């Protein structure tokens, strides 16, 4: 469970830093997913990759770097808080990340 949570949370955090799950996915999967989850613990690579990418999308919901998803809607809706969209999406993203951790733990092994 610790290895799965590390992989999932690292995907989300690196996506927040990079602003894009497609940039974070190969780095975290090559660094944590394949060597630790697949090679060491025997995880199903297809399930790990699919749910891992979904964990990255949770990070996309929480970053201002993903301007087309988070900053442009705030500008178009003329919100007073430019980070209002991110603040509204963060609880959903965190709940979804927790669900993804348990899905990855139960479905990949």
C-alpha atoms as a PDB file:
ATOM      1  CA  UNK A   1       0.000   0.000   0.000  1.00  0.00           C
ATOM      2  CA  UNK A   2       2.874   2.377   0.744  1.00  0.00           C
ATOM      3  CA  UNK A   3       4.428   1.796  -2.686  1.00  0.00           C
ATOM      4  CA  UNK A   4       1.059   2.291  -4.409  1.00  0.00           C
ATOM      5  CA  UNK A   5       0.350   5.467  -2.446  1.00  0.00           C
ATOM      6  CA  UNK A   6       3.833   6.775  -3.209  1.00  0.00           C
ATOM      7  CA  UNK A   7       3.340   6.193  -6.928  1.00  0.00           C
ATOM      8  CA  UNK A   8      -0.128   7.772  -6.996  1.00  0.00           C
ATOM      9  CA  UNK A   9       0.747  10.798  -4.884  1.00  0.00           C
ATOM     10  CA  UNK A  10       3.997  11.337  -6.797  1.00  0.00           C
ATOM     11  CA  UNK A  11       2.019  11.329 -10.056  1.00  0.00           C
ATOM     12  CA  UNK A  12      -0.349  13.970  -8.709  1.00  0.00           C
ATOM     13  CA  UNK A  13       2.405  16.131  -7.194  1.00  0.00           C
ATOM     14  CA  UNK A  14       4.641  15.989 -10.257  1.00  0.00           C
ATOM     15  CA  UNK A  15       1.647  16.848 -12.414  1.00  0.00           C
ATOM     16  CA  UNK A  16       0.999  19.885 -10.212  1.00  0.00           C
ATOM     17  CA  UNK A  17       4.620  20.941 -10.744  1.00  0.00           C
ATOM     18  CA  UNK A  18       4.668  20.208 -14.496  1.00  0.00           C
ATOM     19  CA  UNK A  19       1.079  21.270 -15.181  1.00  0.00           C
ATOM     20  CA  UNK A  20       0.462  18.262 -17.387  1.00  0.00           C
ATOM     21  CA  UNK A  21      -0.102  14.582 -16.610  1.00  0.00           C
ATOM     22  CA  UNK A  22       1.430  13.592 -19.952  1.00  0.00           C
ATOM     23  CA  UNK A  23       4.753  15.107 -18.860  1.00  0.00           C
ATOM     24  CA  UNK A  24       4.676  13.553 -15.393  1.00  0.00           C
ATOM     25  CA  UNK A  25       3.570  10.068 -16.467  1.00  0.00           C
ATOM     26  CA  UNK A  26       6.783   8.767 -18.113  1.00  0.00           C
ATOM     27  CA  UNK A  27       9.020  10.198 -15.393  1.00  0.00           C
ATOM     28  CA  UNK A  28       7.130   8.783 -12.407  1.00  0.00           C
ATOM     29  CA  UNK A  29       6.273   5.502 -14.141  1.00  0.00           C
ATOM     30  CA  UNK A  30       9.901   4.919 -15.135  1.00  0.00           C
ATOM     31  CA  UNK A  31      11.160   5.931 -11.699  1.00  0.00           C
ATOM     32  CA  UNK A  32       8.605   4.341  -9.367  1.00  0.00           C
ATOM     33  CA  UNK A  33       5.952   2.424 -11.293  1.00  0.00           C
ATOM     34  CA  UNK A  34       7.972  -0.050 -13.321  1.00  0.00           C
ATOM     35  CA  UNK A  35      10.862  -0.777 -10.939  1.00  0.00           C
ATOM     36  CA  UNK A  36       8.882  -0.841  -7.687  1.00  0.00           C
ATOM     37  CA  UNK A  37       5.299  -1.803  -8.540  1.00  0.00           C
ATOM     38  CA  UNK A  38       5.803  -4.041 -11.579  1.00  0.00           C
ATOM     39  CA  UNK A  39       9.265  -5.570 -11.118  1.00  0.00           C
ATOM     40  CA  UNK A  40       9.414  -5.801  -7.333  1.00  0.00           C
ATOM     41  CA  UNK A  41       5.767  -6.347  -6.364  1.00  0.00           C
ATOM     42  CA  UNK A  42       4.331  -7.885  -9.560  1.00  0.00           C
ATOM     43  CA  UNK A  43       1.655  -5.321 -10.411  1.00  0.00           C
ATOM     44  CA  UNK A  44      -0.275  -5.570 -13.667  1.00  0.00           C
ATOM     45  CA  UNK A  45       1.391  -2.934 -15.894  1.00  0.00           C
ATOM     46  CA  UNK A  46      -1.777  -2.085 -17.844  1.00  0.00           C
ATOM     47  CA  UNK A  47      -3.805  -1.397 -14.715  1.00  0.00           C
ATOM     48  CA  UNK A  48      -0.914   0.497 -13.135  1.00  0.00           C
ATOM     49  CA  UNK A  49      -0.506   2.708 -16.197  1.00  0.00           C
ATOM     50  CA  UNK A  50      -4.217   3.456 -16.606  1.00  0.00           C
ATOM     51  CA  UNK A  51      -4.884   4.316 -12.985  1.00  0.00           C
ATOM     52  CA  UNK A  52      -1.518   6.068 -12.693  1.00  0.00           C
ATOM     53  CA  UNK A  53      -2.437   8.419 -15.507  1.00  0.00           C
ATOM     54  CA  UNK A  54      -5.760   9.061 -13.798  1.00  0.00           C
ATOM     55  CA  UNK A  55      -3.832   9.996 -10.630  1.00  0.00           C
ATOM     56  CA  UNK A  56      -1.969  12.513 -12.753  1.00  0.00           C
ATOM     57  CA  UNK A  57      -5.246  14.002 -13.895  1.00  0.00           C
ATOM     58  CA  UNK A  58      -6.092  14.609 -10.229  1.00  0.00           C
ATOM     59  CA  UNK A  59      -3.012  16.819 -10.126  1.00  0.00           C
ATOM     60  CA  UNK A  60      -4.183  18.669 -13.227  1.00  0.00           C
ATOM     61  CA  UNK A  61      -7.299  19.743 -11.358  1.00  0.00           C
ATOM     62  CA  UNK A  62      -5.166  21.365  -8.652  1.00  0.00           C
ATOM     63  CA  UNK A  63      -2.597  23.385 -10.599  1.00  0.00           C
ATOM     64  CA  UNK A  64      -2.627  26.857 -12.119  1.00  0.00           C
ATOM     65  CA  UNK A  65      -0.089  25.536 -14.652  1.00  0.00           C
ATOM     66  CA  UNK A  66      -2.972  23.883 -16.531  1.00  0.00           C
ATOM     67  CA  UNK A  67      -4.241  27.264 -17.648  1.00  0.00           C
ATOM     68  CA  UNK A  68      -6.699  25.954 -20.240  1.00  0.00           C
ATOM     69  CA  UNK A  69      -8.561  23.988 -17.525  1.00  0.00           C
ATOM     70  CA  UNK A  70      -8.147  26.211 -14.498  1.00  0.00           C
ATOM     71  CA  UNK A  71      -7.251  29.806 -15.346  1.00  0.00           C
ATOM     72  CA  UNK A  72      -9.156  30.430 -18.596  1.00  0.00           C
ATOM     73  CA  UNK A  73     -12.555  29.426 -17.138  1.00  0.00           C
ATOM     74  CA  UNK A  74     -11.990  31.830 -14.234  1.00  0.00           C
ATOM     75  CA  UNK A  75     -11.281  34.623 -16.711  1.00  0.00           C
ATOM     76  CA  UNK A  76     -14.245  33.761 -18.931  1.00  0.00           C
ATOM     77  CA  UNK A  77     -16.619  33.606 -15.960  1.00  0.00           C
ATOM     78  CA  UNK A  78     -15.093  36.846 -14.637  1.00  0.00           C
ATOM     79  CA  UNK A  79     -14.584  35.380 -11.183  1.00  0.00           C
ATOM     80  CA  UNK A  80     -13.228  37.708  -8.500  1.00  0.00           C
ATOM     81  CA  UNK A  81     -10.770  35.020  -7.395  1.00  0.00           C
ATOM     82  CA  UNK A  82      -8.602  33.817 -10.306  1.00  0.00           C
ATOM     83  CA  UNK A  83      -7.953  30.591  -8.367  1.00  0.00           C
ATOM     84  CA  UNK A  84     -11.642  29.981  -7.662  1.00  0.00           C
ATOM     85  CA  UNK A  85     -11.866  27.123 -10.147  1.00  0.00           C
ATOM     86  CA  UNK A  86      -8.893  25.368  -8.538  1.00  0.00           C
ATOM     87  CA  UNK A  87     -10.353  25.868  -5.051  1.00  0.00           C
ATOM     88  CA  UNK A  88     -13.651  24.359  -6.209  1.00  0.00           C
ATOM     89  CA  UNK A  89     -11.965  21.350  -7.861  1.00  0.00           C
ATOM     90  CA  UNK A  90      -9.451  20.495  -5.115  1.00  0.00           C
ATOM     91  CA  UNK A  91     -11.799  18.543  -2.781  1.00  0.00           C
ATOM     92  CA  UNK A  92     -12.988  16.408  -5.687  1.00  0.00           C
ATOM     93  CA  UNK A  93      -9.418  15.831  -6.862  1.00  0.00           C
ATOM     94  CA  UNK A  94      -8.248  14.741  -3.412  1.00  0.00           C
ATOM     95  CA  UNK A  95     -11.203  12.368  -2.946  1.00  0.00           C
ATOM     96  CA  UNK A  96     -10.629  10.932  -6.413  1.00  0.00           C
ATOM     97  CA  UNK A  97      -6.918  10.489  -5.674  1.00  0.00           C
ATOM     98  CA  UNK A  98      -7.773   8.504  -2.531  1.00  0.00           C
ATOM     99  CA  UNK A  99     -10.165   6.318  -4.528  1.00  0.00           C
ATOM    100  CA  UNK A 100      -7.482   5.800  -7.190  1.00  0.00           C
ATOM    101  CA  UNK A 101      -4.992   4.644  -4.555  1.00  0.00           C
ATOM    102  CA  UNK A 102      -7.371   1.943  -3.361  1.00  0.00           C
ATOM    103  CA  UNK A 103      -8.359   0.971  -6.912  1.00  0.00           C
ATOM    104  CA  UNK A 104      -4.709   0.642  -7.875  1.00  0.00           C
ATOM    105  CA  UNK A 105      -4.003  -1.420  -4.763  1.00  0.00           C
ATOM    106  CA  UNK A 106      -6.884  -3.857  -5.335  1.00  0.00           C
ATOM    107  CA  UNK A 107      -6.942  -4.103  -9.139  1.00  0.00           C
ATOM    108  CA  UNK A 108      -3.240  -4.163 -10.008  1.00  0.00           C
ATOM    109  CA  UNK A 109      -2.276  -7.060  -7.738  1.00  0.00           C
END
